[in-house]
C-alpha cells in the first residue's frame, strides 16, 4: 500500500487504496466498520506504484486523480454501469450506486432526478435484500409474517410502496385478513392452520415506484422444529424466521411485536456436541504459488488431523473456494491449489517458422511448456527474468492460418493468444550504389503483414567467394508501390562487385541474385513489340471503312430516336395541360347492395358458402328437435366465460389456421347478430387479453394484421356499426370516384390481354408501349328493340385501337348510362356489324384477316377494319350456330395470354413485320406524365371521398367510432401507456386500416359492380395515400422512390393535418353512456332482424367445438368454470350427437 484516500457516502466510509504494483482498490465500511468486498478500480500496465497523494475531483465528486510514474489518471469512484439489474446493483454494496427506476439502469444519485433511486441501506452491511421473521398472535390462532426491505430510496415525494404475499399455488396468503405496508416493512396475517406438514412456500413481491423485488421462502411451524441441540437445528430455526433459545435449546415463535432479527451467523459459534479441538494454523509455505497448481502448499499448526474441508480466499476475492488436500496429520496438512494470462510480443510468424516470440508478463517461472494447436506441437521454453521466449514451428504451407498458443502449467493448459501464420517473405531484387567510401545495398521485398524488425534481419553480400557483412540501416515500408525497401551499408567497399545477397531471417536463409541482362532477350522483346504494332495497324486499316459506315448509321438512328423522344415528351406535356377534365357525375341511381349482401362480402370475402347463412322470406322453419339443440347451443355461447374460453382454446391449437380464425369470427358475428350488445362485450374482453399479449413486446403492432379471432371480429363489428354512415355519407363520393376512374381509363388505350392502360395511377399497370391512337364516334343502332330501347341511333365514343370486345363493352355501357337500365342482350350474346353502302361487315376478335407473328395472333381492332369516325354500327343477336371464330369469348381459353396479343408486341423477332410503327423505341419514363394527368382528373373526387370519411361537419361522428376510441383511450390509461403514438396507431389500425381501406380497395363490397384488376391497381394507390395520411412517420422521398408514393407526396402533409384535427375532434366530443350505446347497438340488431340464418351459423360453429371438445373443456377447467356450465356443455354435445337432423355430413 502506497497511498490512502477516504470519502464519506451517506453513513458509509469509503477507502481508496493505491498499491506498489499500480492498483487502485476501493473498500467500503458501514457504521460498525464491517468492510465490503474490495474492488479494483484501475490496474496499471507497467506496474508503476501509485503516488502517495490522491485527490477527489472537486467538481463532480465522481472521479479521483492519482499519479503513477510520469502519468496522471482520472478514475471513476464507482463502476455502476457494470451492473445490469437492480439485484446486481444492490449486491455490489457500493454506496455510490443505486438503481434508477425510470431509466432501468444502475447510476450515480445525481443521474436519477426524475424517479426513485434505490440503493443499499444506511447503517449496516446486509447479506440479503429482503429479510423476514414470523410471530404468533396472543390468541395463537394466527401468524404474522413480517418482511423488511433493506433498501434506501431517494425520490421526490413518497414513492408508491406495496407488498403482495402469495403461496406456491399462486393464491393470496392474506386473503380475508389483509396485509399492511409502510416502507420499509410490511406484514401479512394468516391463519395458523394454513401450515402444511412440509412447510408453507411463500413468495413476497415488493413494489417500489415501478420496480418489483421478490423473494421466496419455505415457512415452517416453529413449534415443530425439534431435535437435539445442534448448530444445524439452530440454523434451520433461524432460516424459518423463528426464535432460537440458547438456554433451552428450543425453537419457538417470535414473541408478539418483537423486532429482533437473526441471521445465519447467529448459530456459527453453537457447540456441535463433539469433543473436537479447534484447529490452529501457524504458517503456510510457500507464500507464492501458481493459480493453476504448479506447487502444492503445506499448512503447519496443531489439531489438523480432524479437518474434513478446507476453503481458501485470495487477498482480492471475497468468496471462499474449497480445495482438496493430499495428506494430513495433527501438525501438517498438504493442499493442492488450483497464472495470469499474458500476451505475445509478436502476433504473426512466417510459414517456415523459426521466429523468436516472447511471452511477456510476471510469474512466468511456473510455465513448463508452450503448446501450438493446428497441428498440435509442444515447444520448449527459454526463461530469463520476466521474459519467456520460444521459436515458432513450421506449419508447412504458404497460406494464411491462425494457430492457438497455450501455456502448460503443471497439469493445466491456459489459452494465451492467437498467432497468425503468413506466407514466407519474398525478397525480389537488390540494387547497389556507392555512398562515399561505403557501398549502399537496397533490397526490395514484397509488402506483407509480418512486421519484420531490424533486429530479426542479418544481410551478407557475396563478392566472388568473399562474404561481406552489410550493416542494416533502415526498413522503409511502401505506401503505394507494393514493395518495401531494406537499406544496409558495407563499409569501405564502395567499388565491390556484388553478385548476390544472402538474407538471414530467424532460422531461415534467403538468397537474391543479380538479374542477368542478356542482349538476345532484349532483341526478342523488341521484335515481338514490332509485330504487335504491325498487326494492330493492319487490323485498324481493314475495319476502318466498316467503322465509318457503322458510325454514320448510328448517328442517323440516334437523331431519329431523339426526334421521337422530343415528340413524345412535348405531346405528353400538351396532353397534361390541355386535356379537358369533363368527367361526368351523372351516374344515375347508385347500385347499393342491401345490408345482408354487404355483410356477406365483408364477413366471407373469399368464400361462396355465404348463401347458406342468408335467410330468404319464404325459408321454411327447422324442425323442433333441431331448434332445441341449436337453442341450447345458442344459450351456451351467450355465457361470456364459455365463449371467451372457447375462442382462446381454438387459437391455442396448432392446426387452427388464420383462415379458420376468420371463419369462426364471422360465424360468431352471424350467430350473435341479434344480440350486438353482448357481442360487443365479448369483443372488449378479448381485446383486453390481446392488449396484454402485446403490452410486453411491441404494442404498436397490435391490430396491424388479422392473426386472431378478435381482430376479424373487430372488422365485422365496425362494418355492422358503420353501414348506415357508409350509405348516407361515404357511398356517393366513393361511387363517383370509381366511375371517374373508369371514365378516365377508357379515354386511352387498354391492352385487352395484359389489361394495362395508358391512363392509370399505378406505374406497374402503365401501358407505356402504346402506339398512336385516335378517338372515334360511332352511330350505333340495335337489332332487337324492346320497349324504350334505342328509338334513335346512339352515339358512342371509342378508340380506333379498341378490340371488338372492348367496343361492345363501351356500347353496352353507353346504353345503360343513357337509358338507366342495361340492354336486354348480354355481352356474350351479341355481335356488332359495320354498315357501309348497304352492306354489313361482321366484326370479330379473330378472323382470317388477323395479323399473325410466329405462333401469336393479334386481336382485331377497329383500325384493323378501317372503321372511320362517324361510322354506323349495328348491334345484332349472335347466331345460334356461329362459326368457330366467333366463340363465346376468347378469354375462356387457358392459353389466352400466350396465343394472342393486342397492343404489346410478343417477345419474338418481328423484324420482318411490315409495320414500322411497331419498331419505334418506347421509354417508360416518358409516359409517367399519364399517371399525373390521371391523378389530376380524379383529384377532386379523392378529396371529396377523404373529406366524407374524416370530415366532422356538425360534429357528426359515428357512435361506434367515438365509443371505440374512448375504449382504447381508457385501456391505454389503465395499462399506463405513456407513449401517445401507441394510442394513435391503435386507432389507425382499428378504423382506417381495418375498415376504410377494405372499403376503398373493394367497392364491390358496397355496390353491385365488377372490379377489374386495372381498377384495383388504381384504388390501391389511393388507399395507400389514405393510409399514409394516418402515418406518424415523415416520408423520405427521392428519385428512387416508387411513383405511387411520389404521386400524392404534396397532398399527404395537408391530409395529415386533417386527420390530426379529426382525431382531436373525436376525442373532444362528449362520450356515450353505456346505456345509450347499448340502445344504439340494439337498434342496429333490430334493423336487420331475421336476415341471417343463425341456426346454420350455430351448426358450423359446433363443428369447431366438436373437433376441439377436449381442448375447450380443459380451458374451462383452467378458467374455473362452474360444474353447471360444464353440464350445459355436455348437454349440448349430447343433443347434437343424438339429433341427426342437426348433424353434418
Foldseek 3Di string as FASTA:
>chain_A
DQAWDWDDQFQKIKIWDWAQQAWTKIWIAAPVRDIDFIDTQDGDPRRFTKHHDKAQDPPPSQWIWIDGDPDIDTTGPDDQQVDQAQVSQAVVVDSQWWAQVVVNGIHGVVVRAAGKTKYAAHGHDDPDQKDWAKAADPVNFKIKIKMFGRIDIDYDDAWDKDKFKAWPVRHGQQPPPDKDDDPGMIMGMHTPVVADQQFTKMKMWIATRHDTDMDIAGAHQQQPLDDDQALVSVLVLLSNRWDADPVVSGTHGDYPPDDDHDDSVVSPPPDGPDPADDWDWDDKPPPDDDQAFLDKIKTFTFSWPPDDWDWDADPNGPDTDTFDWDDDDGTMTITTHHHPAFAKPFQEDEQQWQAKIKTADPPCVQFAWKWKVLPTDIWGWDDDDRIIITITHHNPDADKDKIWMWTDGPPDIHGHHIHIYHHDKDWAAKDWAFDDQKIKIKIKTFDDDRPDDPVQKWKWFDQPPDIFTWAWDDWADDDPPRIIITMTIGGRPRPGDTAKMWMGGRPDIDIHGHDDDDPVVVVVVVVVVVVVVVVVVVVCVVCVVVVVVVVVVVVVVVVVQVVVLVVLLVVLVCCLVPPDLCQDLLQDDFFWDDDLLLLLCLLCVPDPPQVQWFFDPPDDDDDPLLVVLLVLLLVLCLPLLLVLLLQVLLLVDPVCFLVNLSNLLSLVCSLCLLQVLSLVVSLLVVVLVVCVVCVVPPLLCPLQDRGGNSSSNLLSNCCLLCVVLCVPFQVSLLVSLLSLLVVQQQVFDAKPQLRAGLFFQALVSHPQLFFDKDKAWEFEAEDDDDPPAPPDTDIFIHIQLDFQLRVLVRVQVSRCSVRVDTDPDDSLFKWKWWDDPNDTHTGAQDDPQWDDDDQATEGDGNVNVPAHHHTYMYIYTDDPPDDPRSHSDLVVDPCSSPRYTGRDDDPDDCVVPPDVSSVRDTDSVSSVSSSLSSCVSSVVSLVSNLCSVLPQVVNDDRQVLLAVLVSLVVSCVVVVPPDVVSSLSVSCSSPLVSHVLVCQLCVVSTRVDDDDPRSNSRSVLSSVLVSLLSDPDQDDDDPPDGSSCVSCVVVSVVSVVSNVVSVVSSVPDDHDDPVVVSVSSSVSSVVCPSRTNSSVSSLVSVVSCVVSVVSSVVSCVVVPHDPVSVVSVVVSVVSAVPDPVSHDD
